[in-house]
Amino acid sequence: MQTSFTDKQLLDKDNKSSESILRKCVHCGMCNATCPTFCVNGEELEGPRGRIYLIKDMLENKKPANKKIVKHIDSCLSCYSCMTTCPSGVNYMHLIDHGRNYVEETYKRPFFDRLFRNVLSFVLPRPKVFLILAYLTKLIKPFSFLLPTFLKNSLNLMPNKIPSKKIETQKIYKPESGKIISRVALLTGCVQRVISPEINESTIRILNRHNVEVVVMPEIECCGSLNHHLGKKDLAHQSFVQNIEKWHNEYITNGLDAIISNTSGCGTTLKDYGHIFKNNNDLKKKAKKISELTKDVTEYLEESLDLKIKTNDEKKYKIAYHSACSMQHGQKVHQQPKDLISKTGNEVIDIPEGHLCCGSAGTYNILHQKMAKTLLKNKVSNIEKVSPDFISTGNIGCMTQISNGTQIPIIHTVELLDWFTGGPKPYKLKNF
């Protein structure tokens, strides 16, 4: 793609980075074939190629974003399926991030849109605040029929049951055997630690069982991805910088072999810290090291440990593996989880059109409910075609979204692996 940035514009490092991405695009349109929003409505501007043109036009011409542009940029799920498809290696992830930041800098959203986004930005990255909201929504739900559809649908995404058990922060979890072969830090997630602490519990158990010491740090709450994808650059960078400094200090002081993420959306962002701070002389080396240390939990288990399969359950299950977009497209971690599940002796089934998003995508299923519901319907239809006993995935957002569309139980992959290496059976499978 030919570009026309001026020399002065290219002094801006973000523009320079985006220009190099734009130049790789050859207009082929193969990205559209695997873009969920384009597949639903067929509009050019609802596909990656159309969005690339919009971003290019804004940046080159210093054009403030308008309502039309914002509509199409906002409707992108950041599923990155287009990056898996693209034959030219266009890094759409970094381009759409720049586009979103530019939108927030140049466009004033309507009051209620701005207010709601600010509420999400404030509440979701703060586990204690989110917990308070979760309790409040339990009181409001019986009266949700009185609320506008948008708010009623948002309430439906909140958990009906709030687990009482919580992972302790500022604690080191040591293997019972006393033997330590590795030491890792665990990102426990902001929303996940409130609504599904069993995922972190399973992660710690399976790592301890295989002689890995796990440290949970209280200073690390949010990876920053939520604000990052909302285009709130300054808030996102506050989280990024704090996390980089705290983890790097732990790495230098006590040693870390890996930083474990069991939420794939978070893992994708952590692995991008090195790129985000590549032009920051103070942080680039530290950020690069944090990105290098980051592993999805299944990636780490598959590469670094020899899982010891041990279970009293003789039944073999038919398991549909949902490969979260941030896992398969963002991190290129796709085969490892399936291989690990296969080691348990159960049957792993690929979901038809498994490359397409379920509609969760961070806050997408809250902010873009119509499209999210369409994508959920399509995903559930494809899952039910293969008639699994239950579903396994590696992302809390996907778990929440899919569970709203089907009665088939869905659990985190690490819960399954914990169970088949000697841990408890996941409570969602109590009827099996």
Protein backbone atom coordinates (compact mmCIF):
# COMPACT_ATOMS: atom_id res chain seq x y z
CA MET A 1 0.00 0.00 0.00
CA GLN A 2 1.37 3.40 -1.00
CA THR A 3 1.51 5.94 1.81
CA SER A 4 1.92 9.73 1.81
CA PHE A 5 3.06 10.65 5.31
CA THR A 6 5.25 13.75 5.43
CA ASP A 7 8.77 13.62 6.87
CA LYS A 8 7.51 15.68 9.79
CA GLN A 9 4.68 13.23 10.45
CA LEU A 10 7.13 10.33 10.45
CA LEU A 11 9.07 11.94 13.28
CA ASP A 12 6.18 10.71 15.41
CA LYS A 13 7.20 7.16 16.33
CA ASP A 14 3.62 5.87 16.34
CA ASN A 15 3.08 7.22 12.82
CA LYS A 16 6.35 5.70 11.67
CA SER A 17 5.38 2.31 13.07
CA SER A 18 1.92 2.45 11.49
CA GLU A 19 3.35 3.55 8.15
CA SER A 20 5.56 0.47 8.00
CA ILE A 21 2.52 -1.71 8.75
CA LEU A 22 0.39 0.00 6.09
CA ARG A 23 3.07 -0.51 3.44
CA LYS A 24 2.80 -4.29 3.84
CA CYS A 25 -0.89 -4.37 2.93
CA VAL A 26 -1.50 -5.44 -0.70
CA HIS A 27 -5.30 -4.87 -0.69
CA CYS A 28 -5.94 -8.59 -1.34
CA GLY A 29 -8.94 -8.81 1.00
CA MET A 30 -8.13 -12.28 2.30
CA CYS A 31 -8.48 -10.81 5.80
CA ASN A 32 -12.16 -10.09 5.17
CA ALA A 33 -12.86 -13.78 4.64
CA THR A 34 -12.05 -14.56 8.28
CA CYS A 35 -13.23 -11.33 9.91
CA PRO A 36 -16.27 -12.04 12.12
CA THR A 37 -17.94 -8.66 11.59
CA PHE A 38 -17.42 -8.74 7.82
CA CYS A 39 -18.77 -12.30 7.67
CA VAL A 40 -21.95 -11.15 9.42
CA ASN A 41 -22.79 -8.03 7.40
CA GLY A 42 -20.49 -8.02 4.34
CA GLU A 43 -19.71 -4.29 4.56
CA GLU A 44 -16.24 -3.30 3.36
CA LEU A 45 -15.71 -0.90 6.24
CA GLU A 46 -16.66 -3.67 8.68
CA GLY A 47 -13.62 -5.70 7.63
CA PRO A 48 -9.89 -5.21 8.31
CA ARG A 49 -9.15 -3.83 4.83
CA GLY A 50 -11.80 -1.14 5.19
CA ARG A 51 -10.66 -0.24 8.68
CA ILE A 52 -7.06 0.00 7.45
CA TYR A 53 -8.17 2.56 4.84
CA LEU A 54 -10.01 4.57 7.50
CA ILE A 55 -6.99 4.62 9.84
CA LYS A 56 -4.61 5.50 7.01
CA ASP A 57 -6.83 8.40 5.93
CA MET A 58 -7.08 9.75 9.50
CA LEU A 59 -3.38 9.56 10.23
CA GLU A 60 -2.06 10.87 6.89
CA ASN A 61 -4.49 13.78 6.71
CA LYS A 62 -4.54 14.55 10.43
CA LYS A 63 -8.28 14.12 10.15
CA PRO A 64 -10.22 14.04 13.44
CA ALA A 65 -12.32 10.92 13.83
CA ASN A 66 -16.01 11.34 13.04
CA LYS A 67 -19.08 9.31 13.93
CA LYS A 68 -18.78 7.05 10.88
CA ILE A 69 -15.12 6.27 11.46
CA VAL A 70 -15.67 5.64 15.17
CA LYS A 71 -18.52 3.24 14.42
CA HIS A 72 -16.32 1.00 12.27
CA ILE A 73 -13.19 1.20 14.45
CA ASP A 74 -15.22 0.46 17.59
CA SER A 75 -16.93 -2.52 15.96
CA CYS A 76 -13.60 -4.34 15.52
CA LEU A 77 -13.35 -7.20 18.03
CA SER A 78 -9.52 -7.21 18.06
CA CYS A 79 -9.77 -10.97 17.52
CA TYR A 80 -6.75 -10.81 15.16
CA SER A 81 -8.09 -13.57 12.93
CA CYS A 82 -7.07 -11.32 10.04
CA MET A 83 -3.44 -11.55 11.15
CA THR A 84 -3.53 -15.35 10.97
CA THR A 85 -4.98 -15.11 7.47
CA CYS A 86 -2.88 -12.27 6.03
CA PRO A 87 -0.27 -13.54 3.53
CA SER A 88 1.71 -10.29 3.77
CA GLY A 89 2.27 -10.19 7.53
CA VAL A 90 0.31 -6.98 8.19
CA ASN A 91 0.40 -6.36 11.96
CA TYR A 92 -3.20 -5.25 12.25
CA MET A 93 -3.05 -5.50 16.06
CA HIS A 94 -0.64 -2.59 16.39
CA LEU A 95 -2.44 -0.58 13.70
CA ILE A 96 -5.89 -0.87 15.31
CA ASP A 97 -4.34 0.03 18.70
CA HIS A 98 -2.95 3.23 17.16
CA GLY A 99 -6.29 3.91 15.49
CA ARG A 100 -8.18 3.56 18.77
CA ASN A 101 -5.79 5.88 20.59
CA TYR A 102 -6.20 8.45 17.80
CA VAL A 103 -9.99 8.17 18.01
CA GLU A 104 -9.93 8.89 21.75
CA GLU A 105 -7.66 11.89 21.19
CA THR A 106 -9.72 13.49 18.41
CA TYR A 107 -13.36 12.49 18.95
CA LYS A 108 -15.76 13.48 21.69
CA ARG A 109 -18.21 10.67 22.25
CA PRO A 110 -21.86 11.26 23.21
CA PHE A 111 -22.31 11.79 26.95
CA PHE A 112 -23.81 8.39 27.87
CA ASP A 113 -21.33 6.50 25.70
CA ARG A 114 -18.49 8.38 27.37
CA LEU A 115 -19.97 7.81 30.82
CA PHE A 116 -20.46 4.07 30.35
CA ARG A 117 -16.96 3.56 28.98
CA ASN A 118 -15.53 5.47 31.92
CA VAL A 119 -17.50 3.28 34.34
CA LEU A 120 -16.13 0.12 32.68
CA SER A 121 -12.64 1.59 32.72
CA PHE A 122 -12.88 2.33 36.43
CA VAL A 123 -14.71 -0.77 37.69
CA LEU A 124 -13.40 -3.78 35.76
CA PRO A 125 -9.66 -3.40 36.41
CA ARG A 126 -10.25 -3.06 40.18
CA PRO A 127 -11.22 -6.40 41.75
CA LYS A 128 -12.53 -4.89 45.00
CA VAL A 129 -14.72 -2.38 43.19
CA PHE A 130 -15.93 -5.06 40.78
CA LEU A 131 -16.81 -7.32 43.72
CA ILE A 132 -18.99 -4.58 45.24
CA LEU A 133 -20.71 -4.11 41.88
CA ALA A 134 -21.25 -7.87 41.58
CA TYR A 135 -23.07 -7.93 44.93
CA LEU A 136 -25.15 -4.90 43.96
CA THR A 137 -26.21 -6.46 40.66
CA LYS A 138 -27.51 -9.51 42.54
CA LEU A 139 -29.92 -7.19 44.33
CA ILE A 140 -30.91 -5.41 41.12
CA LYS A 141 -31.40 -8.46 38.88
CA PRO A 142 -34.93 -9.33 40.12
CA PHE A 143 -36.02 -5.88 38.93
CA SER A 144 -34.06 -5.89 35.67
CA PHE A 145 -37.29 -6.04 33.63
CA LEU A 146 -37.73 -2.37 34.54
CA LEU A 147 -34.40 -1.41 32.96
CA PRO A 148 -33.59 -0.50 29.35
CA THR A 149 -32.58 -3.48 27.20
CA PHE A 150 -28.94 -2.40 27.06
CA LEU A 151 -28.58 -2.38 30.85
CA LYS A 152 -30.64 -5.56 31.26
CA ASN A 153 -28.35 -7.41 28.85
CA SER A 154 -25.29 -6.06 30.65
CA LEU A 155 -26.66 -7.35 33.97
CA ASN A 156 -27.08 -10.82 32.46
CA LEU A 157 -23.32 -11.01 32.00
CA MET A 158 -22.75 -10.58 35.72
CA PRO A 159 -22.40 -13.77 37.81
CA ASN A 160 -25.41 -15.15 39.69
CA LYS A 161 -23.10 -16.77 42.23
CA ILE A 162 -20.06 -15.05 43.72
CA PRO A 163 -17.53 -17.55 45.10
CA SER A 164 -16.39 -16.91 48.66
CA LYS A 165 -12.93 -18.41 48.21
CA LYS A 166 -10.27 -16.04 47.01
CA ILE A 167 -6.59 -16.52 46.23
CA GLU A 168 -4.44 -14.81 48.84
CA THR A 169 -2.18 -12.10 47.49
CA GLN A 170 1.38 -11.50 48.58
CA LYS A 171 1.88 -15.19 49.08
CA ILE A 172 4.31 -17.78 47.82
CA TYR A 173 2.84 -21.19 47.08
CA LYS A 174 5.44 -23.90 47.51
CA PRO A 175 5.27 -27.53 46.36
CA GLU A 176 4.33 -29.94 49.15
CA SER A 177 7.21 -32.20 48.10
CA GLY A 178 9.68 -29.51 49.07
CA LYS A 179 11.42 -29.94 45.73
CA ILE A 180 11.45 -26.85 43.51
CA ILE A 181 12.42 -27.11 39.85
CA SER A 182 11.13 -23.72 38.76
CA ARG A 183 9.73 -20.43 40.09
CA VAL A 184 6.96 -18.47 38.38
CA ALA A 185 4.73 -15.45 39.00
CA LEU A 186 1.00 -15.82 38.38
CA LEU A 187 -1.21 -13.06 36.97
CA THR A 188 -4.50 -13.76 38.73
CA GLY A 189 -6.61 -11.39 36.61
CA CYS A 190 -8.90 -8.60 37.75
CA VAL A 191 -12.43 -9.90 36.98
CA GLN A 192 -11.37 -13.55 36.96
CA ARG A 193 -10.13 -13.58 40.54
CA VAL A 194 -13.58 -12.39 41.66
CA ILE A 195 -15.96 -14.55 39.62
CA SER A 196 -13.83 -17.67 38.98
CA PRO A 197 -11.10 -18.02 41.62
CA GLU A 198 -11.13 -21.77 40.95
CA ILE A 199 -9.12 -21.10 37.78
CA ASN A 200 -6.25 -19.61 39.77
CA GLU A 201 -6.58 -22.33 42.41
CA SER A 202 -6.29 -25.01 39.73
CA THR A 203 -3.30 -23.26 38.22
CA ILE A 204 -1.46 -23.11 41.53
CA ARG A 205 -2.29 -26.72 42.40
CA ILE A 206 -1.09 -28.17 39.11
CA LEU A 207 2.11 -26.13 39.18
CA ASN A 208 2.84 -27.03 42.81
CA ARG A 209 2.08 -30.68 42.07
CA HIS A 210 4.82 -30.59 39.42
CA ASN A 211 7.33 -28.91 41.76
CA VAL A 212 6.91 -25.33 40.58
CA GLU A 213 6.89 -22.52 43.14
CA VAL A 214 4.24 -19.85 42.47
CA VAL A 215 4.32 -16.25 43.67
CA VAL A 216 1.21 -14.04 43.61
CA MET A 217 1.98 -10.33 43.91
CA PRO A 218 -0.62 -7.96 45.41
CA GLU A 219 0.53 -4.96 43.37
CA ILE A 220 -0.47 -6.66 40.13
CA GLU A 221 -4.20 -6.26 39.56
CA CYS A 222 -4.91 -5.52 35.89
CA CYS A 223 -2.65 -6.22 32.92
CA GLY A 224 -3.91 -2.99 31.33
CA SER A 225 -5.55 -4.60 28.31
CA LEU A 226 -9.05 -3.36 29.08
CA ASN A 227 -8.07 0.32 28.97
CA HIS A 228 -5.67 -0.42 26.13
CA HIS A 229 -8.51 -1.65 23.91
CA LEU A 230 -10.79 1.18 24.99
CA GLY A 231 -8.18 3.58 23.62
CA LYS A 232 -7.42 4.97 27.08
CA LYS A 233 -3.69 5.10 26.50
CA ASP A 234 -2.61 6.94 29.67
CA LEU A 235 -4.55 4.67 32.03
CA ALA A 236 -3.35 1.56 30.23
CA HIS A 237 0.26 2.71 30.42
CA GLN A 238 -0.04 3.30 34.16
CA SER A 239 -0.89 -0.39 34.57
CA PHE A 240 1.79 -1.44 32.10
CA VAL A 241 4.56 0.50 33.85
CA GLN A 242 3.59 -0.68 37.34
CA ASN A 243 3.47 -4.31 36.23
CA ILE A 244 6.76 -4.11 34.39
CA GLU A 245 8.55 -2.53 37.33
CA LYS A 246 7.12 -4.93 39.94
CA TRP A 247 7.69 -8.11 37.96
CA HIS A 248 11.14 -7.06 36.80
CA ASN A 249 12.14 -6.26 40.36
CA GLU A 250 10.95 -9.73 41.42
CA TYR A 251 12.85 -11.26 38.50
CA ILE A 252 16.08 -9.49 39.50
CA THR A 253 15.70 -9.92 43.28
CA ASN A 254 14.34 -13.45 43.67
CA GLY A 255 14.35 -14.92 40.18
CA LEU A 256 11.49 -15.86 37.88
CA ASP A 257 11.50 -18.50 35.17
CA ALA A 258 8.17 -17.38 33.76
CA ILE A 259 5.16 -15.14 34.25
CA ILE A 260 2.05 -17.29 33.91
CA SER A 261 -1.18 -16.01 32.41
CA ASN A 262 -4.33 -18.14 32.54
CA THR A 263 -6.43 -15.49 30.80
CA SER A 264 -5.44 -15.38 27.17
CA GLY A 265 -6.51 -11.78 26.56
CA CYS A 266 -4.16 -10.67 29.32
CA GLY A 267 -1.37 -12.89 28.04
CA THR A 268 -1.58 -11.34 24.58
CA THR A 269 -1.13 -7.87 26.06
CA LEU A 270 1.75 -8.91 28.35
CA LYS A 271 3.55 -10.41 25.37
CA ASP A 272 3.16 -7.06 23.62
CA TYR A 273 4.75 -4.95 26.37
CA GLY A 274 8.09 -5.16 24.55
CA HIS A 275 6.60 -3.60 21.43
CA ILE A 276 4.61 -0.97 23.30
CA PHE A 277 7.74 0.33 25.04
CA LYS A 278 10.24 -0.28 22.26
CA ASN A 279 10.91 3.46 21.96
CA ASN A 280 11.12 4.10 25.70
CA ASN A 281 14.79 4.11 26.66
CA ASP A 282 14.01 3.73 30.37
CA LEU A 283 11.66 0.78 30.05
CA LYS A 284 12.30 -1.03 26.78
CA LYS A 285 14.73 -3.63 28.16
CA LYS A 286 12.55 -4.36 31.18
CA ALA A 287 9.39 -4.52 29.05
CA LYS A 288 11.08 -6.85 26.58
CA LYS A 289 12.12 -9.16 29.40
CA ILE A 290 8.57 -9.28 30.82
CA SER A 291 7.20 -10.15 27.38
CA GLU A 292 9.81 -12.89 26.99
CA LEU A 293 8.95 -14.35 30.39
CA THR A 294 5.19 -14.41 29.75
CA LYS A 295 3.64 -17.79 28.96
CA ASP A 296 0.07 -18.96 28.76
CA VAL A 297 -0.40 -21.63 31.41
CA THR A 298 -0.94 -24.36 28.79
CA GLU A 299 2.07 -23.15 26.82
CA TYR A 300 4.21 -23.43 29.96
CA LEU A 301 2.82 -26.83 30.97
CA GLU A 302 3.41 -28.24 27.50
CA GLU A 303 6.89 -26.83 27.01
CA SER A 304 8.39 -27.00 30.50
CA LEU A 305 6.72 -29.82 32.45
CA ASP A 306 5.98 -33.51 32.00
CA LEU A 307 2.41 -33.82 33.22
CA LYS A 308 1.70 -36.81 35.44
CA ILE A 309 -1.78 -38.02 34.57
CA LYS A 310 -3.62 -39.36 37.61
CA THR A 311 -7.36 -39.55 38.15
CA ASN A 312 -9.94 -41.84 39.74
CA ASP A 313 -12.43 -41.03 36.97
CA GLU A 314 -12.49 -43.94 34.53
CA LYS A 315 -15.01 -42.31 32.20
CA LYS A 316 -13.74 -40.79 28.97
CA TYR A 317 -15.26 -37.53 27.84
CA LYS A 318 -15.93 -35.87 24.51
CA ILE A 319 -14.50 -32.36 24.91
CA ALA A 320 -15.01 -29.46 22.49
CA TYR A 321 -11.98 -27.20 22.64
CA HIS A 322 -12.79 -23.53 22.06
CA SER A 323 -9.59 -21.80 21.02
CA ALA A 324 -9.95 -18.21 22.25
CA CYS A 325 -9.06 -15.62 19.62
CA SER A 326 -6.43 -14.03 21.84
CA MET A 327 -4.89 -17.48 22.24
CA GLN A 328 -4.87 -18.80 18.66
CA HIS A 329 -4.51 -15.51 16.78
CA GLY A 330 -2.94 -13.19 19.36
CA GLN A 331 -0.41 -15.59 20.90
CA LYS A 332 -0.29 -18.34 18.27
CA VAL A 333 -0.93 -20.87 21.04
CA HIS A 334 -3.40 -23.33 19.54
CA GLN A 335 -2.09 -26.87 19.38
CA GLN A 336 -0.53 -27.00 22.87
CA PRO A 337 -3.82 -26.99 24.85
CA LYS A 338 -5.30 -29.68 22.59
CA ASP A 339 -2.21 -31.86 22.96
CA LEU A 340 -2.40 -31.53 26.74
CA ILE A 341 -6.08 -32.47 26.81
CA SER A 342 -5.32 -35.47 24.61
CA LYS A 343 -2.77 -36.65 27.17
CA THR A 344 -5.61 -37.05 29.68
CA GLY A 345 -7.07 -39.81 27.48
CA ASN A 346 -10.18 -37.84 26.56
CA GLU A 347 -11.37 -37.06 23.05
CA VAL A 348 -10.68 -33.52 21.85
CA ILE A 349 -13.02 -32.15 19.20
CA ASP A 350 -12.39 -29.10 17.05
CA ILE A 351 -15.34 -26.73 16.78
CA PRO A 352 -16.46 -25.95 13.20
CA GLU A 353 -15.37 -22.46 12.14
CA GLY A 354 -13.31 -22.35 15.33
CA HIS A 355 -11.30 -19.40 14.04
CA LEU A 356 -14.31 -17.09 14.44
CA CYS A 357 -14.88 -15.09 17.63
CA CYS A 358 -17.60 -15.94 20.16
CA GLY A 359 -18.35 -12.22 20.63
CA SER A 360 -16.83 -11.76 24.08
CA ALA A 361 -13.69 -9.75 23.24
CA GLY A 362 -13.14 -7.93 26.53
CA THR A 363 -15.93 -5.37 26.87
CA TYR A 364 -17.27 -5.98 23.35
CA ASN A 365 -20.26 -8.07 24.48
CA ILE A 366 -21.29 -5.14 26.69
CA LEU A 367 -20.70 -2.29 24.24
CA HIS A 368 -21.79 -4.05 21.02
CA GLN A 369 -24.57 -6.32 22.16
CA LYS A 370 -26.30 -6.96 18.82
CA MET A 371 -23.15 -8.15 17.04
CA ALA A 372 -21.96 -10.05 20.13
CA LYS A 373 -25.27 -11.94 20.31
CA THR A 374 -25.08 -12.87 16.63
CA LEU A 375 -21.55 -14.19 17.04
CA LEU A 376 -22.54 -16.06 20.19
CA LYS A 377 -25.48 -17.69 18.39
CA ASN A 378 -23.18 -18.82 15.58
CA LYS A 379 -20.56 -20.12 18.00
CA VAL A 380 -23.05 -22.07 20.10
CA SER A 381 -24.63 -23.55 16.96
CA ASN A 382 -21.22 -24.82 15.85
CA ILE A 383 -20.44 -26.22 19.31
CA GLU A 384 -23.76 -28.05 19.55
CA LYS A 385 -23.18 -29.63 16.13
CA VAL A 386 -20.39 -31.77 17.60
CA SER A 387 -22.43 -32.74 20.73
CA PRO A 388 -19.65 -32.56 23.33
CA ASP A 389 -19.98 -33.58 26.98
CA PHE A 390 -18.48 -30.22 27.90
CA ILE A 391 -16.36 -27.37 26.55
CA SER A 392 -12.83 -26.37 27.45
CA THR A 393 -11.21 -22.98 26.81
CA GLY A 394 -8.46 -20.74 28.13
CA ASN A 395 -10.19 -17.40 28.64
CA ILE A 396 -12.66 -16.24 31.30
CA GLY A 397 -14.34 -13.83 28.87
CA CYS A 398 -15.16 -16.66 26.45
CA MET A 399 -16.40 -18.79 29.33
CA THR A 400 -18.81 -16.06 30.46
CA GLN A 401 -20.02 -15.36 26.94
CA ILE A 402 -20.55 -18.96 25.81
CA SER A 403 -22.24 -20.00 29.05
CA ASN A 404 -24.92 -17.41 28.29
CA GLY A 405 -25.81 -19.25 25.09
CA THR A 406 -25.79 -22.94 25.95
CA GLN A 407 -26.45 -25.39 28.77
CA ILE A 408 -23.32 -27.38 27.89
CA PRO A 409 -20.86 -26.85 30.77
CA ILE A 410 -17.72 -24.90 30.02
CA ILE A 411 -14.55 -25.02 32.11
CA HIS A 412 -11.06 -23.59 31.89
CA THR A 413 -8.49 -25.92 30.35
CA VAL A 414 -6.30 -25.70 33.44
CA GLU A 415 -9.21 -26.94 35.60
CA LEU A 416 -9.44 -30.00 33.37
CA LEU A 417 -5.69 -30.62 33.51
CA ASP A 418 -5.63 -30.13 37.28
CA TRP A 419 -8.44 -32.67 37.63
CA PHE A 420 -6.64 -35.28 35.52
CA THR A 421 -3.35 -34.83 37.38
CA GLY A 422 -4.81 -35.43 40.82
CA GLY A 423 -6.87 -32.33 41.59
CA PRO A 424 -10.59 -32.07 42.37
CA LYS A 425 -13.27 -32.46 39.75
CA PRO A 426 -14.48 -29.02 38.56
CA TYR A 427 -17.72 -28.11 40.32
CA LYS A 428 -19.39 -27.28 36.99
CA LEU A 429 -19.12 -30.97 36.09
CA LYS A 430 -20.64 -32.25 39.32
CA ASN A 431 -23.50 -33.93 37.43
CA PHE A 432 -21.16 -35.97 35.19
